[in-house]
Amino acid sequence: MARQRTTDVPRGRSHVYLRRAEQLMKGVDWGIEQGNANVAAVNAVQASISAVDAFLVHHLGKRSSGSDHHESLNLVANSSSPAKREIGQHLQRVLDRKNEVEYQDREVALGDSKELAKHARRLLDAVRKDLEE
C-alpha cells in the first residue's frame, strides 16, 4: 500500500477551507440556475473536497495532499468525529463521479449535476455542524 501523502495545516485554519467550500457551493447554485450542468458539477466536486479539507484540518491538523482524493476517505475514517460516517458517505458519492465530470469527453446532464449538488450540500452541512460542536 502506498504511503498516504498529507500536509500539516494549523487547526485554526480550517475556516479557510470551509469558506472556500461555501463559495464554491454558490457556483454550484449559479450553475444549476443557469442550466450549466458542467459548472455546477465541477464546483460540487471542488466544494466537497474543500469541505473535507476543513473537516480534516479541524480534527487532524492535516489534509490529504495526494493526487488521489480517495485518500481523504481514509483520513475521515481515522478521525474521532461522530459525523465521519455521514461525511465519508457523501464524499464517496461525489468522488465516484469526479473523473467523469472533470475529465471525460461528455457533457454532464443537469440531473446528474443536481445529484452531485445534493451530496455536496449534505456533506458541507455535516461539516459545518461538526465544526460548530
Protein backbone atom coordinates (compact mmCIF):
# COMPACT_ATOMS: atom_id res chain seq x y z
CA MET A 1 0.00 0.00 0.00
CA ALA A 2 1.37 3.40 -0.96
CA ARG A 3 2.17 5.90 1.73
CA GLN A 4 -0.60 8.43 2.18
CA ARG A 5 0.56 11.97 1.46
CA THR A 6 -0.64 14.68 3.80
CA THR A 7 0.16 18.30 4.52
CA ASP A 8 0.16 19.64 8.06
CA VAL A 9 -2.11 22.66 8.50
CA PRO A 10 -2.73 24.54 11.75
CA ARG A 11 -6.15 23.51 13.04
CA GLY A 12 -7.21 27.13 13.34
CA ARG A 13 -7.03 27.41 9.53
CA SER A 14 -9.98 25.07 8.95
CA HIS A 15 -12.20 28.11 8.39
CA VAL A 16 -10.24 28.95 5.20
CA TYR A 17 -11.25 25.65 3.65
CA LEU A 18 -14.82 25.95 4.93
CA ARG A 19 -15.20 29.42 3.42
CA ARG A 20 -13.81 28.13 0.11
CA ALA A 21 -16.35 25.29 0.13
CA GLU A 22 -19.17 27.75 0.81
CA GLN A 23 -18.05 29.98 -2.06
CA LEU A 24 -17.81 27.03 -4.42
CA MET A 25 -21.36 26.00 -3.44
CA LYS A 26 -22.52 29.40 -4.66
CA GLY A 27 -21.02 28.43 -8.00
CA VAL A 28 -22.99 25.17 -7.86
CA ASP A 29 -26.22 27.09 -7.27
CA TRP A 30 -25.43 29.54 -10.06
CA GLY A 31 -24.65 26.71 -12.48
CA ILE A 32 -27.94 24.99 -11.74
CA GLU A 33 -29.90 28.26 -12.01
CA GLN A 34 -28.28 28.96 -15.39
CA GLY A 35 -28.74 25.41 -16.62
CA ASN A 36 -24.96 25.00 -16.82
CA ALA A 37 -24.54 21.45 -15.55
CA ASN A 38 -20.77 21.36 -16.09
CA VAL A 39 -20.17 24.40 -13.88
CA ALA A 40 -22.46 23.00 -11.19
CA ALA A 41 -20.90 19.53 -11.24
CA VAL A 42 -17.25 20.63 -11.16
CA ASN A 43 -17.96 23.14 -8.39
CA ALA A 44 -19.82 20.44 -6.41
CA VAL A 45 -16.75 18.22 -6.58
CA GLN A 46 -14.39 21.01 -5.56
CA ALA A 47 -16.73 22.23 -2.78
CA SER A 48 -16.82 18.71 -1.36
CA ILE A 49 -13.03 18.43 -1.39
CA SER A 50 -12.67 21.81 0.34
CA ALA A 51 -15.32 20.91 2.94
CA VAL A 52 -13.48 17.69 3.75
CA ASP A 53 -10.22 19.61 3.97
CA ALA A 54 -11.89 21.87 6.57
CA PHE A 55 -13.05 18.79 8.49
CA LEU A 56 -9.62 17.14 8.38
CA VAL A 57 -7.71 20.27 9.34
CA HIS A 58 -10.09 20.82 12.27
CA HIS A 59 -9.83 17.24 13.55
CA LEU A 60 -6.38 16.08 12.49
CA GLY A 61 -4.37 19.20 11.74
CA LYS A 62 -3.67 17.92 8.24
CA ARG A 63 -5.28 17.36 4.86
CA SER A 64 -4.62 14.95 2.06
CA SER A 65 -2.13 16.23 -0.49
CA GLY A 66 -2.03 13.23 -2.79
CA SER A 67 -3.42 13.23 -6.30
CA ASP A 68 -5.98 10.58 -5.34
CA HIS A 69 -8.70 12.34 -3.40
CA HIS A 70 -9.98 8.96 -2.23
CA GLU A 71 -7.12 9.10 0.30
CA SER A 72 -9.21 11.66 2.14
CA LEU A 73 -11.74 8.93 2.87
CA ASN A 74 -9.16 7.09 4.99
CA LEU A 75 -8.31 10.26 6.87
CA VAL A 76 -12.01 10.96 7.52
CA ALA A 77 -12.44 7.40 8.81
CA ASN A 78 -9.46 7.87 11.15
CA SER A 79 -10.96 10.95 12.78
CA SER A 80 -12.77 10.75 16.10
CA SER A 81 -15.79 12.70 14.86
CA PRO A 82 -19.21 11.10 15.20
CA ALA A 83 -20.02 12.64 11.79
CA LYS A 84 -17.24 10.75 10.00
CA ARG A 85 -19.54 8.09 8.56
CA GLU A 86 -22.00 10.58 7.06
CA ILE A 87 -19.22 12.79 5.71
CA GLY A 88 -17.40 9.81 4.26
CA GLN A 89 -20.53 8.51 2.53
CA HIS A 90 -21.26 11.81 0.81
CA LEU A 91 -17.61 12.28 -0.15
CA GLN A 92 -17.55 8.79 -1.65
CA ARG A 93 -20.66 9.56 -3.75
CA VAL A 94 -19.06 12.74 -5.09
CA LEU A 95 -15.62 11.24 -5.73
CA ASP A 96 -17.19 8.34 -7.62
CA ARG A 97 -18.22 10.90 -10.25
CA LYS A 98 -15.17 13.21 -10.13
CA ASN A 99 -13.29 11.72 -13.07
CA GLU A 100 -16.44 11.62 -15.16
CA VAL A 101 -17.43 15.26 -14.64
CA GLU A 102 -13.96 16.76 -14.77
CA TYR A 103 -12.06 14.75 -17.36
CA GLN A 104 -14.27 12.72 -19.67
CA ASP A 105 -15.35 13.88 -23.09
CA ARG A 106 -19.06 14.13 -22.44
CA GLU A 107 -21.43 16.76 -21.22
CA VAL A 108 -22.81 16.42 -17.71
CA ALA A 109 -26.59 16.16 -17.54
CA LEU A 110 -28.35 18.72 -15.36
CA GLY A 111 -29.94 15.91 -13.35
CA ASP A 112 -26.51 14.47 -12.63
CA SER A 113 -25.20 17.84 -11.50
CA LYS A 114 -28.21 18.25 -9.22
CA GLU A 115 -27.47 14.84 -7.68
CA LEU A 116 -23.84 15.83 -7.09
CA ALA A 117 -25.01 19.15 -5.65
CA LYS A 118 -27.27 17.30 -3.21
CA HIS A 119 -24.37 15.26 -1.84
CA ALA A 120 -22.01 18.24 -1.77
CA ARG A 121 -24.57 20.28 0.15
CA ARG A 122 -25.24 17.49 2.66
CA LEU A 123 -21.50 17.00 3.12
CA LEU A 124 -20.96 20.72 3.67
CA ASP A 125 -23.88 20.90 6.12
CA ALA A 126 -22.46 17.96 8.09
CA VAL A 127 -19.02 19.56 8.21
CA ARG A 128 -20.45 22.90 9.36
CA LYS A 129 -22.43 21.21 12.12
CA ASP A 130 -19.42 19.13 13.17
CA LEU A 131 -17.12 22.15 13.32
CA GLU A 132 -19.64 24.05 15.47
CA GLU A 133 -19.71 21.30 18.13
